[in-house]
Amino acid sequence: MDVLGKDTQAQAYRVALDLGGGRVVALVPDTLLSAQYGQDAKVSHQLAYEWIATQRHALETAIKTLVKGAAPLAPFDQITLEGR
């Protein structure tokens, strides 16, 4: 999984995952990160990248679930696929 940076308009971090036949880009919303650090927390880029790294397995599972057309388990159900 690669972190592609912050999409300020979508208020989310863009992450990419290679799934055999292609690359999928998903949006991990700031609200998901803030919930982990407290509702009013402003999460720095460094903390966001660290959190994404520690949650890599859960994020990959959620993205694969979305690609299959199903809904991931909460709180990862907030993740969306880019362009869909």
N, C-alpha and C. Protein backbone atom coordinates (compact mmCIF):
# COMPACT_ATOMS: atom_id res chain seq x y z
N MET A 1 0.84 -1.17 0.00
CA MET A 1 0.00 0.00 0.00
C MET A 1 0.89 1.23 0.00
N ASP A 2 0.49 2.19 -0.84
CA ASP A 2 1.22 3.46 -0.92
C ASP A 2 0.30 4.59 -0.50
N VAL A 3 0.82 5.52 0.28
CA VAL A 3 0.07 6.73 0.61
C VAL A 3 0.43 7.76 -0.45
N LEU A 4 -0.59 8.24 -1.16
CA LEU A 4 -0.37 9.16 -2.26
C LEU A 4 -0.48 10.62 -1.84
N GLY A 5 -0.82 10.85 -0.58
CA GLY A 5 -0.92 12.21 -0.07
C GLY A 5 -2.33 12.56 0.31
N LYS A 6 -2.50 13.82 0.63
CA LYS A 6 -3.78 14.32 1.12
C LYS A 6 -4.56 14.97 -0.02
N ASP A 7 -5.83 14.64 -0.11
CA ASP A 7 -6.76 15.29 -1.03
C ASP A 7 -7.55 16.27 -0.18
N THR A 8 -7.16 17.54 -0.20
CA THR A 8 -7.78 18.51 0.69
C THR A 8 -9.24 18.75 0.34
N GLN A 9 -9.59 18.66 -0.92
CA GLN A 9 -10.98 18.86 -1.31
C GLN A 9 -11.87 17.74 -0.77
N ALA A 10 -11.39 16.51 -0.81
CA ALA A 10 -12.14 15.37 -0.30
C ALA A 10 -11.97 15.19 1.20
N GLN A 11 -11.05 15.95 1.79
CA GLN A 11 -10.72 15.84 3.21
C GLN A 11 -10.39 14.39 3.57
N ALA A 12 -9.46 13.84 2.80
CA ALA A 12 -9.09 12.45 2.97
C ALA A 12 -7.67 12.21 2.46
N TYR A 13 -7.08 11.13 2.94
CA TYR A 13 -5.78 10.69 2.44
C TYR A 13 -6.03 9.68 1.33
N ARG A 14 -5.28 9.82 0.25
CA ARG A 14 -5.36 8.90 -0.87
C ARG A 14 -4.36 7.78 -0.64
N VAL A 15 -4.84 6.54 -0.72
CA VAL A 15 -3.95 5.38 -0.61
C VAL A 15 -4.18 4.50 -1.82
N ALA A 16 -3.12 3.86 -2.28
CA ALA A 16 -3.21 2.99 -3.45
C ALA A 16 -2.81 1.57 -3.05
N LEU A 17 -3.52 0.63 -3.65
CA LEU A 17 -3.27 -0.78 -3.37
C LEU A 17 -3.23 -1.52 -4.70
N ASP A 18 -2.19 -2.31 -4.90
CA ASP A 18 -2.08 -3.12 -6.10
C ASP A 18 -2.82 -4.43 -5.87
N LEU A 19 -3.78 -4.70 -6.73
CA LEU A 19 -4.60 -5.91 -6.61
C LEU A 19 -4.42 -6.79 -7.85
N GLY A 20 -3.27 -7.34 -7.99
CA GLY A 20 -3.03 -8.25 -9.10
C GLY A 20 -3.17 -7.60 -10.46
N GLY A 21 -4.39 -7.45 -10.93
CA GLY A 21 -4.63 -6.92 -12.26
C GLY A 21 -4.66 -5.42 -12.38
N GLY A 22 -4.57 -4.71 -11.28
CA GLY A 22 -4.61 -3.26 -11.38
C GLY A 22 -4.44 -2.58 -10.03
N ARG A 23 -4.34 -1.29 -10.11
CA ARG A 23 -4.13 -0.47 -8.93
C ARG A 23 -5.44 0.23 -8.57
N VAL A 24 -5.78 0.17 -7.30
CA VAL A 24 -7.00 0.79 -6.79
C VAL A 24 -6.61 1.92 -5.86
N VAL A 25 -7.28 3.06 -6.00
CA VAL A 25 -7.03 4.20 -5.13
C VAL A 25 -8.27 4.40 -4.25
N ALA A 26 -8.03 4.52 -2.96
CA ALA A 26 -9.11 4.71 -2.00
C ALA A 26 -8.86 5.98 -1.20
N LEU A 27 -9.95 6.51 -0.65
CA LEU A 27 -9.89 7.71 0.17
C LEU A 27 -10.17 7.33 1.62
N VAL A 28 -9.22 7.66 2.49
CA VAL A 28 -9.36 7.43 3.92
C VAL A 28 -9.67 8.79 4.54
N PRO A 29 -10.92 9.00 4.97
CA PRO A 29 -11.34 10.33 5.40
C PRO A 29 -10.69 10.78 6.71
N ASP A 30 -10.53 12.10 6.80
CA ASP A 30 -9.99 12.69 8.02
C ASP A 30 -10.83 12.32 9.23
N THR A 31 -12.14 12.17 9.04
CA THR A 31 -13.01 11.83 10.17
C THR A 31 -12.65 10.48 10.78
N LEU A 32 -12.20 9.56 9.98
CA LEU A 32 -11.77 8.26 10.49
C LEU A 32 -10.53 8.42 11.35
N LEU A 33 -9.60 9.23 10.89
CA LEU A 33 -8.38 9.49 11.66
C LEU A 33 -8.70 10.26 12.95
N SER A 34 -9.53 11.28 12.85
CA SER A 34 -9.87 12.08 14.01
C SER A 34 -10.55 11.24 15.09
N ALA A 35 -11.37 10.30 14.67
CA ALA A 35 -12.06 9.43 15.63
C ALA A 35 -11.06 8.61 16.44
N GLN A 36 -9.93 8.30 15.84
CA GLN A 36 -8.92 7.53 16.55
C GLN A 36 -8.14 8.37 17.56
N TYR A 37 -8.08 9.67 17.33
CA TYR A 37 -7.30 10.57 18.19
C TYR A 37 -8.17 11.51 19.00
N GLY A 38 -9.49 11.39 18.89
CA GLY A 38 -10.41 12.29 19.58
C GLY A 38 -11.16 13.13 18.56
N GLN A 39 -12.44 13.31 18.75
CA GLN A 39 -13.29 13.95 17.77
C GLN A 39 -12.78 15.30 17.28
N ASP A 40 -12.23 16.11 18.15
CA ASP A 40 -11.79 17.44 17.74
C ASP A 40 -10.31 17.49 17.37
N ALA A 41 -9.68 16.34 17.35
CA ALA A 41 -8.25 16.31 17.08
C ALA A 41 -7.95 16.65 15.63
N LYS A 42 -6.99 17.54 15.45
CA LYS A 42 -6.45 17.79 14.11
C LYS A 42 -5.25 16.88 13.99
N VAL A 43 -5.31 15.97 13.07
CA VAL A 43 -4.26 14.97 12.92
C VAL A 43 -3.21 15.48 11.95
N SER A 44 -1.98 15.51 12.40
CA SER A 44 -0.88 15.97 11.54
C SER A 44 -0.62 14.93 10.45
N HIS A 45 0.08 15.37 9.41
CA HIS A 45 0.43 14.44 8.34
C HIS A 45 1.26 13.28 8.89
N GLN A 46 2.18 13.57 9.78
CA GLN A 46 3.03 12.53 10.35
C GLN A 46 2.19 11.49 11.08
N LEU A 47 1.27 11.95 11.94
CA LEU A 47 0.40 11.01 12.66
C LEU A 47 -0.48 10.23 11.70
N ALA A 48 -0.98 10.89 10.67
CA ALA A 48 -1.82 10.21 9.68
C ALA A 48 -1.05 9.10 8.99
N TYR A 49 0.16 9.39 8.57
CA TYR A 49 0.97 8.37 7.89
C TYR A 49 1.29 7.21 8.83
N GLU A 50 1.58 7.53 10.09
CA GLU A 50 1.86 6.48 11.07
C GLU A 50 0.63 5.62 11.31
N TRP A 51 -0.54 6.26 11.44
CA TRP A 51 -1.78 5.53 11.66
C TRP A 51 -2.08 4.62 10.47
N ILE A 52 -1.93 5.15 9.27
CA ILE A 52 -2.17 4.35 8.07
C ILE A 52 -1.24 3.14 8.05
N ALA A 53 0.00 3.33 8.43
CA ALA A 53 0.97 2.22 8.47
C ALA A 53 0.54 1.16 9.48
N THR A 54 0.09 1.59 10.66
CA THR A 54 -0.30 0.61 11.69
C THR A 54 -1.62 -0.08 11.35
N GLN A 55 -2.46 0.58 10.57
CA GLN A 55 -3.76 0.02 10.20
C GLN A 55 -3.75 -0.61 8.80
N ARG A 56 -2.58 -0.82 8.28
CA ARG A 56 -2.43 -1.29 6.90
C ARG A 56 -3.29 -2.52 6.59
N HIS A 57 -3.23 -3.51 7.44
CA HIS A 57 -3.97 -4.75 7.18
C HIS A 57 -5.48 -4.49 7.13
N ALA A 58 -5.99 -3.74 8.09
CA ALA A 58 -7.43 -3.44 8.12
C ALA A 58 -7.84 -2.58 6.92
N LEU A 59 -6.99 -1.64 6.54
CA LEU A 59 -7.29 -0.80 5.38
C LEU A 59 -7.30 -1.63 4.09
N GLU A 60 -6.33 -2.52 3.95
CA GLU A 60 -6.29 -3.37 2.76
C GLU A 60 -7.52 -4.26 2.69
N THR A 61 -7.93 -4.81 3.82
CA THR A 61 -9.13 -5.65 3.87
C THR A 61 -10.36 -4.84 3.47
N ALA A 62 -10.47 -3.63 3.98
CA ALA A 62 -11.61 -2.77 3.66
C ALA A 62 -11.64 -2.42 2.18
N ILE A 63 -10.49 -2.11 1.61
CA ILE A 63 -10.42 -1.75 0.19
C ILE A 63 -10.79 -2.95 -0.68
N LYS A 64 -10.28 -4.11 -0.34
CA LYS A 64 -10.61 -5.32 -1.10
C LYS A 64 -12.11 -5.61 -1.01
N THR A 65 -12.70 -5.37 0.15
CA THR A 65 -14.14 -5.57 0.33
C THR A 65 -14.92 -4.62 -0.55
N LEU A 66 -14.49 -3.34 -0.60
CA LEU A 66 -15.16 -2.35 -1.46
C LEU A 66 -15.07 -2.74 -2.93
N VAL A 67 -13.91 -3.22 -3.35
CA VAL A 67 -13.73 -3.62 -4.75
C VAL A 67 -14.69 -4.74 -5.12
N LYS A 68 -15.00 -5.61 -4.15
CA LYS A 68 -15.93 -6.72 -4.39
C LYS A 68 -17.39 -6.25 -4.38
N GLY A 69 -17.60 -4.98 -4.02
CA GLY A 69 -18.96 -4.45 -4.01
C GLY A 69 -19.67 -4.58 -2.67
N ALA A 70 -18.95 -4.97 -1.64
CA ALA A 70 -19.54 -5.13 -0.31
C ALA A 70 -19.13 -3.96 0.58
N ALA A 71 -19.72 -3.90 1.76
CA ALA A 71 -19.40 -2.84 2.71
C ALA A 71 -18.43 -3.36 3.76
N PRO A 72 -17.34 -2.63 3.99
CA PRO A 72 -16.39 -3.03 5.03
C PRO A 72 -17.01 -2.86 6.43
N LEU A 73 -16.40 -3.50 7.39
CA LEU A 73 -16.84 -3.35 8.77
C LEU A 73 -16.50 -1.95 9.29
N ALA A 74 -17.34 -1.46 10.19
CA ALA A 74 -17.08 -0.17 10.85
C ALA A 74 -15.81 -0.28 11.67
N PRO A 75 -15.04 0.76 11.79
CA PRO A 75 -15.24 2.10 11.28
C PRO A 75 -14.69 2.29 9.86
N PHE A 76 -14.21 1.21 9.27
CA PHE A 76 -13.58 1.30 7.95
C PHE A 76 -14.61 1.43 6.82
N ASP A 77 -15.88 1.42 7.18
CA ASP A 77 -16.93 1.62 6.19
C ASP A 77 -16.98 3.06 5.70
N GLN A 78 -16.18 3.93 6.30
CA GLN A 78 -16.08 5.33 5.87
C GLN A 78 -15.17 5.51 4.66
N ILE A 79 -14.38 4.49 4.36
CA ILE A 79 -13.46 4.55 3.22
C ILE A 79 -14.25 4.42 1.93
N THR A 80 -13.83 5.16 0.92
CA THR A 80 -14.47 5.07 -0.40
C THR A 80 -13.41 4.85 -1.46
N LEU A 81 -13.84 4.33 -2.58
CA LEU A 81 -12.94 4.16 -3.71
C LEU A 81 -12.97 5.45 -4.53
N GLU A 82 -11.82 5.88 -4.96
CA GLU A 82 -11.74 7.11 -5.76
C GLU A 82 -12.40 6.87 -7.11
N GLY A 83 -13.19 7.85 -7.53
CA GLY A 83 -13.83 7.77 -8.83
C GLY A 83 -15.08 6.91 -8.88
N ARG A 84 -15.54 6.50 -7.72
CA ARG A 84 -16.78 5.69 -7.69
C ARG A 84 -17.80 6.32 -6.79
